[in-house]
Amino acid sequence: MEEVTRDCVVSLAAFAAIFGMVYVFLMTRHRERMTMLDRGLTDNPFRKPQQNSLAALKYGMLLVGVGIGYLVAWVLYDYCGMSDTVSITSMICIFGGSSLILNYIIVKSKGLDKE
């Protein structure tokens, strides 16, 4: 019975902490905007930056790499007798990292980077 009470308290505390952080963030942003309006400033510093179309390529390649890594890890675990923890962790890191490196090479070769 003691475990259930402790789990409930921890869950409520985590929810309260997350709610508190979001509330403080939103209230602070609101106060900043109201102060800017009072001073007559019209430029909005909270504008979202330009949408980067390369981000979709990067995250898409990362997710494909992680998926392929998970598939290869399953094959290694099932057919080669490799430990599941080692195979899953290593293959996801290897294929996810490889996809990010490939993304970098593609962006550099096409000259799409902003540097």
PDB file of N, CA and C in Angstrom:
ATOM      1  N   MET A   1       0.821  -1.201   0.000  1.00  0.00           N
ATOM      2  CA  MET A   1       0.000   0.000   0.000  1.00  0.00           C
ATOM      3  C   MET A   1       0.860   1.258   0.000  1.00  0.00           C
ATOM      4  N   GLU A   2       2.024   1.135   0.635  1.00  0.00           N
ATOM      5  CA  GLU A   2       2.923   2.265   0.712  1.00  0.00           C
ATOM      6  C   GLU A   2       3.482   2.639  -0.660  1.00  0.00           C
ATOM      7  N   GLU A   3       3.714   1.628  -1.517  1.00  0.00           N
ATOM      8  CA  GLU A   3       4.228   1.886  -2.863  1.00  0.00           C
ATOM      9  C   GLU A   3       3.220   2.650  -3.706  1.00  0.00           C
ATOM     10  N   VAL A   4       1.955   2.295  -3.587  1.00  0.00           N
ATOM     11  CA  VAL A   4       0.916   2.962  -4.369  1.00  0.00           C
ATOM     12  C   VAL A   4       0.835   4.427  -3.979  1.00  0.00           C
ATOM     13  N   THR A   5       0.904   4.718  -2.697  1.00  0.00           N
ATOM     14  CA  THR A   5       0.841   6.097  -2.225  1.00  0.00           C
ATOM     15  C   THR A   5       2.053   6.883  -2.731  1.00  0.00           C
ATOM     16  N   ARG A   6       3.228   6.269  -2.660  1.00  0.00           N
ATOM     17  CA  ARG A   6       4.443   6.938  -3.114  1.00  0.00           C
ATOM     18  C   ARG A   6       4.383   7.204  -4.618  1.00  0.00           C
ATOM     19  N   ASP A   7       3.909   6.227  -5.390  1.00  0.00           N
ATOM     20  CA  ASP A   7       3.786   6.412  -6.837  1.00  0.00           C
ATOM     21  C   ASP A   7       2.807   7.527  -7.172  1.00  0.00           C
ATOM     22  N   CYS A   8       1.729   7.584  -6.432  1.00  0.00           N
ATOM     23  CA  CYS A   8       0.722   8.619  -6.665  1.00  0.00           C
ATOM     24  C   CYS A   8       1.289  10.009  -6.352  1.00  0.00           C
ATOM     25  N   VAL A   9       2.017  10.113  -5.264  1.00  0.00           N
ATOM     26  CA  VAL A   9       2.602  11.396  -4.873  1.00  0.00           C
ATOM     27  C   VAL A   9       3.647  11.832  -5.900  1.00  0.00           C
ATOM     28  N   VAL A  10       4.481  10.897  -6.367  1.00  0.00           N
ATOM     29  CA  VAL A  10       5.495  11.229  -7.362  1.00  0.00           C
ATOM     30  C   VAL A  10       4.837  11.677  -8.660  1.00  0.00           C
ATOM     31  N   SER A  11       3.782  11.004  -9.092  1.00  0.00           N
ATOM     32  CA  SER A  11       3.084  11.387 -10.313  1.00  0.00           C
ATOM     33  C   SER A  11       2.473  12.776 -10.192  1.00  0.00           C
ATOM     34  N   LEU A  12       1.838  13.042  -9.061  1.00  0.00           N
ATOM     35  CA  LEU A  12       1.247  14.362  -8.849  1.00  0.00           C
ATOM     36  C   LEU A  12       2.316  15.452  -8.784  1.00  0.00           C
ATOM     37  N   ALA A  13       3.442  15.154  -8.146  1.00  0.00           N
ATOM     38  CA  ALA A  13       4.516  16.140  -8.056  1.00  0.00           C
ATOM     39  C   ALA A  13       5.103  16.430  -9.443  1.00  0.00           C
ATOM     40  N   ALA A  14       5.265  15.404 -10.266  1.00  0.00           N
ATOM     41  CA  ALA A  14       5.791  15.610 -11.613  1.00  0.00           C
ATOM     42  C   ALA A  14       4.826  16.450 -12.445  1.00  0.00           C
ATOM     43  N   PHE A  15       3.534  16.146 -12.356  1.00  0.00           N
ATOM     44  CA  PHE A  15       2.532  16.921 -13.084  1.00  0.00           C
ATOM     45  C   PHE A  15       2.525  18.372 -12.605  1.00  0.00           C
ATOM     46  N   ALA A  16       2.600  18.588 -11.302  1.00  0.00           N
ATOM     47  CA  ALA A  16       2.597  19.945 -10.756  1.00  0.00           C
ATOM     48  C   ALA A  16       3.837  20.718 -11.196  1.00  0.00           C
ATOM     49  N   ALA A  17       4.976  20.050 -11.244  1.00  0.00           N
ATOM     50  CA  ALA A  17       6.208  20.723 -11.659  1.00  0.00           C
ATOM     51  C   ALA A  17       6.134  21.142 -13.123  1.00  0.00           C
ATOM     52  N   ILE A  18       5.652  20.263 -13.977  1.00  0.00           N
ATOM     53  CA  ILE A  18       5.529  20.590 -15.396  1.00  0.00           C
ATOM     54  C   ILE A  18       4.524  21.717 -15.597  1.00  0.00           C
ATOM     55  N   PHE A  19       3.395  21.629 -14.932  1.00  0.00           N
ATOM     56  CA  PHE A  19       2.388  22.683 -15.028  1.00  0.00           C
ATOM     57  C   PHE A  19       2.952  24.014 -14.548  1.00  0.00           C
ATOM     58  N   GLY A  20       3.701  23.998 -13.440  1.00  0.00           N
ATOM     59  CA  GLY A  20       4.287  25.218 -12.900  1.00  0.00           C
ATOM     60  C   GLY A  20       5.268  25.860 -13.854  1.00  0.00           C
ATOM     61  N   MET A  21       6.102  25.050 -14.492  1.00  0.00           N
ATOM     62  CA  MET A  21       7.075  25.598 -15.437  1.00  0.00           C
ATOM     63  C   MET A  21       6.396  26.227 -16.651  1.00  0.00           C
ATOM     64  N   VAL A  22       5.383  25.557 -17.177  1.00  0.00           N
ATOM     65  CA  VAL A  22       4.664  26.092 -18.331  1.00  0.00           C
ATOM     66  C   VAL A  22       3.944  27.377 -17.954  1.00  0.00           C
ATOM     67  N   TYR A  23       3.339  27.415 -16.782  1.00  0.00           N
ATOM     68  CA  TYR A  23       2.619  28.594 -16.318  1.00  0.00           C
ATOM     69  C   TYR A  23       3.560  29.784 -16.164  1.00  0.00           C
ATOM     70  N   VAL A  24       4.711  29.564 -15.522  1.00  0.00           N
ATOM     71  CA  VAL A  24       5.668  30.652 -15.325  1.00  0.00           C
ATOM     72  C   VAL A  24       6.186  31.150 -16.677  1.00  0.00           C
ATOM     73  N   PHE A  25       6.470  30.237 -17.605  1.00  0.00           N
ATOM     74  CA  PHE A  25       6.952  30.639 -18.925  1.00  0.00           C
ATOM     75  C   PHE A  25       5.924  31.507 -19.639  1.00  0.00           C
ATOM     76  N   LEU A  26       4.666  31.068 -19.645  1.00  0.00           N
ATOM     77  CA  LEU A  26       3.631  31.823 -20.354  1.00  0.00           C
ATOM     78  C   LEU A  26       3.356  33.172 -19.695  1.00  0.00           C
ATOM     79  N   MET A  27       3.349  33.215 -18.381  1.00  0.00           N
ATOM     80  CA  MET A  27       3.094  34.481 -17.693  1.00  0.00           C
ATOM     81  C   MET A  27       4.238  35.471 -17.906  1.00  0.00           C
ATOM     82  N   THR A  28       5.472  34.974 -17.907  1.00  0.00           N
ATOM     83  CA  THR A  28       6.614  35.850 -18.143  1.00  0.00           C
ATOM     84  C   THR A  28       6.571  36.421 -19.546  1.00  0.00           C
ATOM     85  N   ARG A  29       6.248  35.581 -20.513  1.00  0.00           N
ATOM     86  CA  ARG A  29       6.160  36.053 -21.895  1.00  0.00           C
ATOM     87  C   ARG A  29       5.053  37.093 -22.038  1.00  0.00           C
ATOM     88  N   HIS A  30       3.927  36.878 -21.360  1.00  0.00           N
ATOM     89  CA  HIS A  30       2.807  37.823 -21.411  1.00  0.00           C
ATOM     90  C   HIS A  30       3.230  39.171 -20.814  1.00  0.00           C
ATOM     91  N   ARG A  31       3.918  39.129 -19.685  1.00  0.00           N
ATOM     92  CA  ARG A  31       4.370  40.373 -19.062  1.00  0.00           C
ATOM     93  C   ARG A  31       5.351  41.122 -19.964  1.00  0.00           C
ATOM     94  N   GLU A  32       6.252  40.397 -20.616  1.00  0.00           N
ATOM     95  CA  GLU A  32       7.196  41.040 -21.526  1.00  0.00           C
ATOM     96  C   GLU A  32       6.464  41.724 -22.672  1.00  0.00           C
ATOM     97  N   ARG A  33       5.497  41.061 -23.221  1.00  0.00           N
ATOM     98  CA  ARG A  33       4.740  41.650 -24.334  1.00  0.00           C
ATOM     99  C   ARG A  33       3.950  42.874 -23.891  1.00  0.00           C
ATOM    100  N   MET A  34       3.349  42.808 -22.706  1.00  0.00           N
ATOM    101  CA  MET A  34       2.597  43.953 -22.204  1.00  0.00           C
ATOM    102  C   MET A  34       3.527  45.138 -21.942  1.00  0.00           C
ATOM    103  N   THR A  35       4.720  44.873 -21.438  1.00  0.00           N
ATOM    104  CA  THR A  35       5.693  45.941 -21.200  1.00  0.00           C
ATOM    105  C   THR A  35       6.116  46.578 -22.519  1.00  0.00           C
ATOM    106  N   MET A  36       6.320  45.749 -23.531  1.00  0.00           N
ATOM    107  CA  MET A  36       6.700  46.291 -24.839  1.00  0.00           C
ATOM    108  C   MET A  36       5.589  47.155 -25.419  1.00  0.00           C
ATOM    109  N   LEU A  37       4.345  46.729 -25.255  1.00  0.00           N
ATOM    110  CA  LEU A  37       3.228  47.530 -25.754  1.00  0.00           C
ATOM    111  C   LEU A  37       3.125  48.853 -25.004  1.00  0.00           C
ATOM    112  N   ASP A  38       3.369  48.830 -23.687  1.00  0.00           N
ATOM    113  CA  ASP A  38       3.312  50.059 -22.897  1.00  0.00           C
ATOM    114  C   ASP A  38       4.376  51.061 -23.329  1.00  0.00           C
ATOM    115  N   ARG A  39       5.530  50.553 -23.746  1.00  0.00           N
ATOM    116  CA  ARG A  39       6.622  51.433 -24.170  1.00  0.00           C
ATOM    117  C   ARG A  39       6.500  51.843 -25.626  1.00  0.00           C
ATOM    118  N   GLY A  40       5.541  51.298 -26.334  1.00  0.00           N
ATOM    119  CA  GLY A  40       5.310  51.689 -27.708  1.00  0.00           C
ATOM    120  C   GLY A  40       6.153  50.947 -28.723  1.00  0.00           C
ATOM    121  N   LEU A  41       6.757  49.856 -28.334  1.00  0.00           N
ATOM    122  CA  LEU A  41       7.552  49.066 -29.267  1.00  0.00           C
ATOM    123  C   LEU A  41       6.624  48.171 -30.077  1.00  0.00           C
ATOM    124  N   THR A  42       6.809  48.186 -31.396  1.00  0.00           N
ATOM    125  CA  THR A  42       5.896  47.413 -32.239  1.00  0.00           C
ATOM    126  C   THR A  42       6.530  46.164 -32.828  1.00  0.00           C
ATOM    127  N   ASP A  43       7.862  46.119 -32.879  1.00  0.00           N
ATOM    128  CA  ASP A  43       8.519  44.950 -33.458  1.00  0.00           C
ATOM    129  C   ASP A  43       8.332  43.762 -32.512  1.00  0.00           C
ATOM    130  N   ASN A  44       7.956  42.638 -33.076  1.00  0.00           N
ATOM    131  CA  ASN A  44       7.677  41.458 -32.268  1.00  0.00           C
ATOM    132  C   ASN A  44       8.914  40.563 -32.201  1.00  0.00           C
ATOM    133  N   PRO A  45       9.606  40.499 -31.056  1.00  0.00           N
ATOM    134  CA  PRO A  45      10.796  39.654 -30.960  1.00  0.00           C
ATOM    135  C   PRO A  45      10.454  38.176 -30.810  1.00  0.00           C
ATOM    136  N   PHE A  46       9.183  37.877 -30.658  1.00  0.00           N
ATOM    137  CA  PHE A  46       8.764  36.497 -30.452  1.00  0.00           C
ATOM    138  C   PHE A  46       8.350  35.812 -31.752  1.00  0.00           C
ATOM    139  N   ARG A  47       8.639  36.487 -32.867  1.00  0.00           N
ATOM    140  CA  ARG A  47       8.309  35.901 -34.155  1.00  0.00           C
ATOM    141  C   ARG A  47       9.051  34.593 -34.342  1.00  0.00           C
ATOM    142  N   LYS A  48       8.392  33.643 -34.926  1.00  0.00           N
ATOM    143  CA  LYS A  48       9.045  32.367 -35.196  1.00  0.00           C
ATOM    144  C   LYS A  48      10.040  32.564 -36.333  1.00  0.00           C
ATOM    145  N   PRO A  49      11.211  31.911 -36.228  1.00  0.00           N
ATOM    146  CA  PRO A  49      12.185  32.044 -37.310  1.00  0.00           C
ATOM    147  C   PRO A  49      11.684  31.374 -38.577  1.00  0.00           C
ATOM    148  N   GLN A  50      12.346  31.689 -39.674  1.00  0.00           N
ATOM    149  CA  GLN A  50      11.961  31.093 -40.956  1.00  0.00           C
ATOM    150  C   GLN A  50      12.000  29.573 -40.852  1.00  0.00           C
ATOM    151  N   GLN A  51      11.025  28.945 -41.420  1.00  0.00           N
ATOM    152  CA  GLN A  51      10.970  27.482 -41.423  1.00  0.00           C
ATOM    153  C   GLN A  51      12.111  26.945 -42.274  1.00  0.00           C
ATOM    154  N   ASN A  52      12.910  26.091 -41.696  1.00  0.00           N
ATOM    155  CA  ASN A  52      14.037  25.523 -42.409  1.00  0.00           C
ATOM    156  C   ASN A  52      13.590  24.240 -43.100  1.00  0.00           C
ATOM    157  N   SER A  53      13.609  24.244 -44.424  1.00  0.00           N
ATOM    158  CA  SER A  53      13.161  23.069 -45.156  1.00  0.00           C
ATOM    159  C   SER A  53      14.148  21.923 -45.031  1.00  0.00           C
ATOM    160  N   LEU A  54      15.391  22.241 -44.663  1.00  0.00           N
ATOM    161  CA  LEU A  54      16.376  21.181 -44.485  1.00  0.00           C
ATOM    162  C   LEU A  54      16.158  20.404 -43.195  1.00  0.00           C
ATOM    163  N   ALA A  55      15.432  20.972 -42.257  1.00  0.00           N
ATOM    164  CA  ALA A  55      15.159  20.262 -41.005  1.00  0.00           C
ATOM    165  C   ALA A  55      14.309  19.026 -41.270  1.00  0.00           C
ATOM    166  N   ALA A  56      13.368  19.127 -42.197  1.00  0.00           N
ATOM    167  CA  ALA A  56      12.531  17.971 -42.519  1.00  0.00           C
ATOM    168  C   ALA A  56      13.373  16.852 -43.116  1.00  0.00           C
ATOM    169  N   LEU A  57      14.316  17.203 -43.959  1.00  0.00           N
ATOM    170  CA  LEU A  57      15.217  16.193 -44.527  1.00  0.00           C
ATOM    171  C   LEU A  57      16.055  15.546 -43.431  1.00  0.00           C
ATOM    172  N   LYS A  58      16.595  16.366 -42.538  1.00  0.00           N
ATOM    173  CA  LYS A  58      17.445  15.846 -41.472  1.00  0.00           C
ATOM    174  C   LYS A  58      16.677  14.897 -40.557  1.00  0.00           C
ATOM    175  N   TYR A  59      15.517  15.323 -40.083  1.00  0.00           N
ATOM    176  CA  TYR A  59      14.757  14.488 -39.164  1.00  0.00           C
ATOM    177  C   TYR A  59      14.184  13.256 -39.860  1.00  0.00           C
ATOM    178  N   GLY A  60      13.816  13.405 -41.114  1.00  0.00           N
ATOM    179  CA  GLY A  60      13.336  12.242 -41.867  1.00  0.00           C
ATOM    180  C   GLY A  60      14.419  11.207 -42.037  1.00  0.00           C
ATOM    181  N   MET A  61      15.614  11.657 -42.385  1.00  0.00           N
ATOM    182  CA  MET A  61      16.726  10.719 -42.542  1.00  0.00           C
ATOM    183  C   MET A  61      17.102  10.088 -41.209  1.00  0.00           C
ATOM    184  N   LEU A  62      17.039  10.866 -40.124  1.00  0.00           N
ATOM    185  CA  LEU A  62      17.342  10.317 -38.804  1.00  0.00           C
ATOM    186  C   LEU A  62      16.354   9.223 -38.422  1.00  0.00           C
ATOM    187  N   LEU A  63      15.064   9.473 -38.648  1.00  0.00           N
ATOM    188  CA  LEU A  63      14.064   8.470 -38.289  1.00  0.00           C
ATOM    189  C   LEU A  63      14.173   7.216 -39.148  1.00  0.00           C
ATOM    190  N   VAL A  64      14.488   7.389 -40.428  1.00  0.00           N
ATOM    191  CA  VAL A  64      14.697   6.223 -41.287  1.00  0.00           C
ATOM    192  C   VAL A  64      15.917   5.442 -40.814  1.00  0.00           C
ATOM    193  N   GLY A  65      16.985   6.150 -40.451  1.00  0.00           N
ATOM    194  CA  GLY A  65      18.181   5.491 -39.946  1.00  0.00           C
ATOM    195  C   GLY A  65      17.931   4.734 -38.655  1.00  0.00           C
ATOM    196  N   VAL A  66      17.160   5.328 -37.753  1.00  0.00           N
ATOM    197  CA  VAL A  66      16.821   4.653 -36.504  1.00  0.00           C
ATOM    198  C   VAL A  66      15.967   3.421 -36.781  1.00  0.00           C
ATOM    199  N   GLY A  67      15.026   3.542 -37.714  1.00  0.00           N
ATOM    200  CA  GLY A  67      14.185   2.390 -38.060  1.00  0.00           C
ATOM    201  C   GLY A  67      14.992   1.251 -38.662  1.00  0.00           C
ATOM    202  N   ILE A  68      15.905   1.584 -39.563  1.00  0.00           N
ATOM    203  CA  ILE A  68      16.754   0.545 -40.156  1.00  0.00           C
ATOM    204  C   ILE A  68      17.653  -0.063 -39.081  1.00  0.00           C
ATOM    205  N   GLY A  69      18.166   0.770 -38.191  1.00  0.00           N
ATOM    206  CA  GLY A  69      18.997   0.274 -37.099  1.00  0.00           C
ATOM    207  C   GLY A  69      18.239  -0.688 -36.200  1.00  0.00           C
ATOM    208  N   TYR A  70      16.988  -0.347 -35.903  1.00  0.00           N
ATOM    209  CA  TYR A  70      16.171  -1.236 -35.068  1.00  0.00           C
ATOM    210  C   TYR A  70      15.904  -2.557 -35.788  1.00  0.00           C
ATOM    211  N   LEU A  71      15.658  -2.499 -37.083  1.00  0.00           N
ATOM    212  CA  LEU A  71      15.420  -3.713 -37.866  1.00  0.00           C
ATOM    213  C   LEU A  71      16.669  -4.601 -37.905  1.00  0.00           C
ATOM    214  N   VAL A  72      17.826  -3.998 -38.140  1.00  0.00           N
ATOM    215  CA  VAL A  72      19.076  -4.766 -38.154  1.00  0.00           C
ATOM    216  C   VAL A  72      19.358  -5.339 -36.764  1.00  0.00           C
ATOM    217  N   ALA A  73      19.080  -4.568 -35.721  1.00  0.00           N
ATOM    218  CA  ALA A  73      19.281  -5.062 -34.355  1.00  0.00           C
ATOM    219  C   ALA A  73      18.397  -6.268 -34.077  1.00  0.00           C
ATOM    220  N   TRP A  74      17.173  -6.231 -34.553  1.00  0.00           N
ATOM    221  CA  TRP A  74      16.272  -7.371 -34.354  1.00  0.00           C
ATOM    222  C   TRP A  74      16.802  -8.603 -35.072  1.00  0.00           C
ATOM    223  N   VAL A  75      17.322  -8.427 -36.286  1.00  0.00           N
ATOM    224  CA  VAL A  75      17.894  -9.553 -37.034  1.00  0.00           C
ATOM    225  C   VAL A  75      19.110 -10.103 -36.294  1.00  0.00           C
ATOM    226  N   LEU A  76      19.990  -9.220 -35.793  1.00  0.00           N
ATOM    227  CA  LEU A  76      21.158  -9.675 -35.050  1.00  0.00           C
ATOM    228  C   LEU A  76      20.762 -10.420 -33.781  1.00  0.00           C
ATOM    229  N   TYR A  77      19.750  -9.937 -33.105  1.00  0.00           N
ATOM    230  CA  TYR A  77      19.298 -10.588 -31.881  1.00  0.00           C
ATOM    231  C   TYR A  77      18.656 -11.938 -32.183  1.00  0.00           C
ATOM    232  N   ASP A  78      17.819 -11.966 -33.209  1.00  0.00           N
ATOM    233  CA  ASP A  78      17.046 -13.171 -33.501  1.00  0.00           C
ATOM    234  C   ASP A  78      17.886 -14.273 -34.143  1.00  0.00           C
ATOM    235  N   TYR A  79      18.729 -13.918 -35.088  1.00  0.00           N
ATOM    236  CA  TYR A  79      19.441 -14.936 -35.864  1.00  0.00           C
ATOM    237  C   TYR A  79      20.897 -15.130 -35.451  1.00  0.00           C
ATOM    238  N   CYS A  80      21.523 -14.136 -34.877  1.00  0.00           N
ATOM    239  CA  CYS A  80      22.942 -14.251 -34.530  1.00  0.00           C
ATOM    240  C   CYS A  80      23.172 -14.452 -33.041  1.00  0.00           C
ATOM    241  N   GLY A  81      22.116 -14.368 -32.249  1.00  0.00           N
ATOM    242  CA  GLY A  81      22.237 -14.599 -30.815  1.00  0.00           C
ATOM    243  C   GLY A  81      22.888 -13.467 -30.046  1.00  0.00           C
ATOM    244  N   MET A  82      22.916 -12.289 -30.613  1.00  0.00           N
ATOM    245  CA  MET A  82      23.499 -11.140 -29.933  1.00  0.00           C
ATOM    246  C   MET A  82      22.554 -10.658 -28.836  1.00  0.00           C
ATOM    247  N   SER A  83      23.082 -10.084 -27.787  1.00  0.00           N
ATOM    248  CA  SER A  83      22.258  -9.567 -26.697  1.00  0.00           C
ATOM    249  C   SER A  83      21.328  -8.480 -27.227  1.00  0.00           C
ATOM    250  N   ASP A  84      20.090  -8.468 -26.751  1.00  0.00           N
ATOM    251  CA  ASP A  84      19.117  -7.505 -27.279  1.00  0.00           C
ATOM    252  C   ASP A  84      19.480  -6.066 -26.928  1.00  0.00           C
ATOM    253  N   THR A  85      19.942  -5.825 -25.719  1.00  0.00           N
ATOM    254  CA  THR A  85      20.284  -4.462 -25.309  1.00  0.00           C
ATOM    255  C   THR A  85      21.452  -3.928 -26.126  1.00  0.00           C
ATOM    256  N   VAL A  86      22.466  -4.743 -26.275  1.00  0.00           N
ATOM    257  CA  VAL A  86      23.652  -4.312 -27.021  1.00  0.00           C
ATOM    258  C   VAL A  86      23.314  -4.103 -28.490  1.00  0.00           C
ATOM    259  N   SER A  87      22.578  -5.030 -29.075  1.00  0.00           N
ATOM    260  CA  SER A  87      22.288  -4.917 -30.505  1.00  0.00           C
ATOM    261  C   SER A  87      21.398  -3.714 -30.802  1.00  0.00           C
ATOM    262  N   ILE A  88      20.376  -3.508 -30.010  1.00  0.00           N
ATOM    263  CA  ILE A  88      19.454  -2.392 -30.266  1.00  0.00           C
ATOM    264  C   ILE A  88      20.171  -1.054 -30.089  1.00  0.00           C
ATOM    265  N   THR A  89      20.888  -0.904 -28.976  1.00  0.00           N
ATOM    266  CA  THR A  89      21.564   0.368 -28.717  1.00  0.00           C
ATOM    267  C   THR A  89      22.618   0.668 -29.776  1.00  0.00           C
ATOM    268  N   SER A  90      23.436  -0.320 -30.085  1.00  0.00           N
ATOM    269  CA  SER A  90      24.525  -0.065 -31.028  1.00  0.00           C
ATOM    270  C   SER A  90      24.004   0.194 -32.441  1.00  0.00           C
ATOM    271  N   MET A  91      23.053  -0.581 -32.894  1.00  0.00           N
ATOM    272  CA  MET A  91      22.571  -0.413 -34.265  1.00  0.00           C
ATOM    273  C   MET A  91      21.815   0.897 -34.442  1.00  0.00           C
ATOM    274  N   ILE A  92      21.023   1.291 -33.441  1.00  0.00           N
ATOM    275  CA  ILE A  92      20.305   2.562 -33.541  1.00  0.00           C
ATOM    276  C   ILE A  92      21.298   3.718 -33.583  1.00  0.00           C
ATOM    277  N   CYS A  93      22.338   3.656 -32.749  1.00  0.00           N
ATOM    278  CA  CYS A  93      23.348   4.721 -32.763  1.00  0.00           C
ATOM    279  C   CYS A  93      24.121   4.737 -34.075  1.00  0.00           C
ATOM    280  N   ILE A  94      24.506   3.568 -34.566  1.00  0.00           N
ATOM    281  CA  ILE A  94      25.294   3.501 -35.799  1.00  0.00           C
ATOM    282  C   ILE A  94      24.482   4.001 -36.994  1.00  0.00           C
ATOM    283  N   PHE A  95      23.267   3.480 -37.172  1.00  0.00           N
ATOM    284  CA  PHE A  95      22.482   3.872 -38.344  1.00  0.00           C
ATOM    285  C   PHE A  95      21.915   5.286 -38.211  1.00  0.00           C
ATOM    286  N   GLY A  96      21.534   5.698 -36.999  1.00  0.00           N
ATOM    287  CA  GLY A  96      21.069   7.072 -36.808  1.00  0.00           C
ATOM    288  C   GLY A  96      22.173   8.070 -37.076  1.00  0.00           C
ATOM    289  N   GLY A  97      23.373   7.799 -36.551  1.00  0.00           N
ATOM    290  CA  GLY A  97      24.515   8.674 -36.805  1.00  0.00           C
ATOM    291  C   GLY A  97      24.911   8.686 -38.275  1.00  0.00           C
ATOM    292  N   SER A  98      24.873   7.513 -38.910  1.00  0.00           N
ATOM    293  CA  SER A  98      25.210   7.432 -40.338  1.00  0.00           C
ATOM    294  C   SER A  98      24.237   8.254 -41.176  1.00  0.00           C
ATOM    295  N   SER A  99      22.972   8.236 -40.809  1.00  0.00           N
ATOM    296  CA  SER A  99      21.998   9.019 -41.572  1.00  0.00           C
ATOM    297  C   SER A  99      22.243  10.519 -41.406  1.00  0.00           C
ATOM    298  N   LEU A 100      22.668  10.953 -40.217  1.00  0.00           N
ATOM    299  CA  LEU A 100      22.981  12.373 -40.026  1.00  0.00           C
ATOM    300  C   LEU A 100      24.237  12.772 -40.799  1.00  0.00           C
ATOM    301  N   ILE A 101      25.226  11.885 -40.845  1.00  0.00           N
ATOM    302  CA  ILE A 101      26.426  12.161 -41.636  1.00  0.00           C
ATOM    303  C   ILE A 101      26.067  12.235 -43.119  1.00  0.00           C
ATOM    304  N   LEU A 102      25.237  11.312 -43.589  1.00  0.00           N
ATOM    305  CA  LEU A 102      24.798  11.325 -44.986  1.00  0.00           C
ATOM    306  C   LEU A 102      24.014  12.608 -45.293  1.00  0.00           C
ATOM    307  N   ASN A 103      23.185  13.045 -44.362  1.00  0.00           N
ATOM    308  CA  ASN A 103      22.441  14.293 -44.525  1.00  0.00           C
ATOM    309  C   ASN A 103      23.410  15.470 -44.673  1.00  0.00           C
ATOM    310  N   TYR A 104      24.437  15.511 -43.856  1.00  0.00           N
ATOM    311  CA  TYR A 104      25.440  16.575 -43.937  1.00  0.00           C
ATOM    312  C   TYR A 104      26.122  16.568 -45.301  1.00  0.00           C
ATOM    313  N   ILE A 105      26.474  15.382 -45.778  1.00  0.00           N
ATOM    314  CA  ILE A 105      27.141  15.274 -47.080  1.00  0.00           C
ATOM    315  C   ILE A 105      26.215  15.746 -48.200  1.00  0.00           C
ATOM    316  N   ILE A 106      24.951  15.378 -48.141  1.00  0.00           N
ATOM    317  CA  ILE A 106      23.989  15.798 -49.170  1.00  0.00           C
ATOM    318  C   ILE A 106      23.832  17.318 -49.174  1.00  0.00           C
ATOM    319  N   VAL A 107      23.682  17.897 -47.995  1.00  0.00           N
ATOM    320  CA  VAL A 107      23.485  19.346 -47.901  1.00  0.00           C
ATOM    321  C   VAL A 107      24.723  20.087 -48.391  1.00  0.00           C
ATOM    322  N   LYS A 108      25.899  19.629 -48.034  1.00  0.00           N
ATOM    323  CA  LYS A 108      27.133  20.288 -48.479  1.00  0.00           C
ATOM    324  C   LYS A 108      27.329  20.154 -49.982  1.00  0.00           C
ATOM    325  N   SER A 109      27.036  18.963 -50.539  1.00  0.00           N
ATOM    326  CA  SER A 109      27.270  18.769 -51.966  1.00  0.00           C
ATOM    327  C   SER A 109      26.294  19.568 -52.829  1.00  0.00           C
ATOM    328  N   LYS A 110      25.088  19.782 -52.342  1.00  0.00           N
ATOM    329  CA  LYS A 110      24.104  20.569 -53.085  1.00  0.00           C
ATOM    330  C   LYS A 110      24.288  22.067 -52.879  1.00  0.00           C
ATOM    331  N   GLY A 111      25.105  22.435 -51.897  1.00  0.00           N
ATOM    332  CA  GLY A 111      25.327  23.858 -51.625  1.00  0.00           C
ATOM    333  C   GLY A 111      24.136  24.502 -50.979  1.00  0.00           C
ATOM    334  N   LEU A 112      23.363  23.758 -50.217  1.00  0.00           N
ATOM    335  CA  LEU A 112      22.160  24.286 -49.599  1.00  0.00           C
ATOM    336  C   LEU A 112      22.403  24.889 -48.222  1.00  0.00           C
ATOM    337  N   ASP A 113      23.601  24.720 -47.697  1.00  0.00           N
ATOM    338  CA  ASP A 113      23.862  25.249 -46.369  1.00  0.00           C
ATOM    339  C   ASP A 113      23.989  26.764 -46.430  1.00  0.00           C
ATOM    340  N   LYS A 114      23.768  27.405 -45.315  1.00  0.00           N
ATOM    341  CA  LYS A 114      23.745  28.868 -45.269  1.00  0.00           C
ATOM    342  C   LYS A 114      25.080  29.449 -44.862  1.00  0.00           C
ATOM    343  N   GLU A 115      26.100  28.620 -44.709  1.00  0.00           N
ATOM    344  CA  GLU A 115      27.401  29.106 -44.281  1.00  0.00           C
ATOM    345  C   GLU A 115      28.211  29.593 -45.456  1.00  0.00           C
TER     346      GLU A 115
END
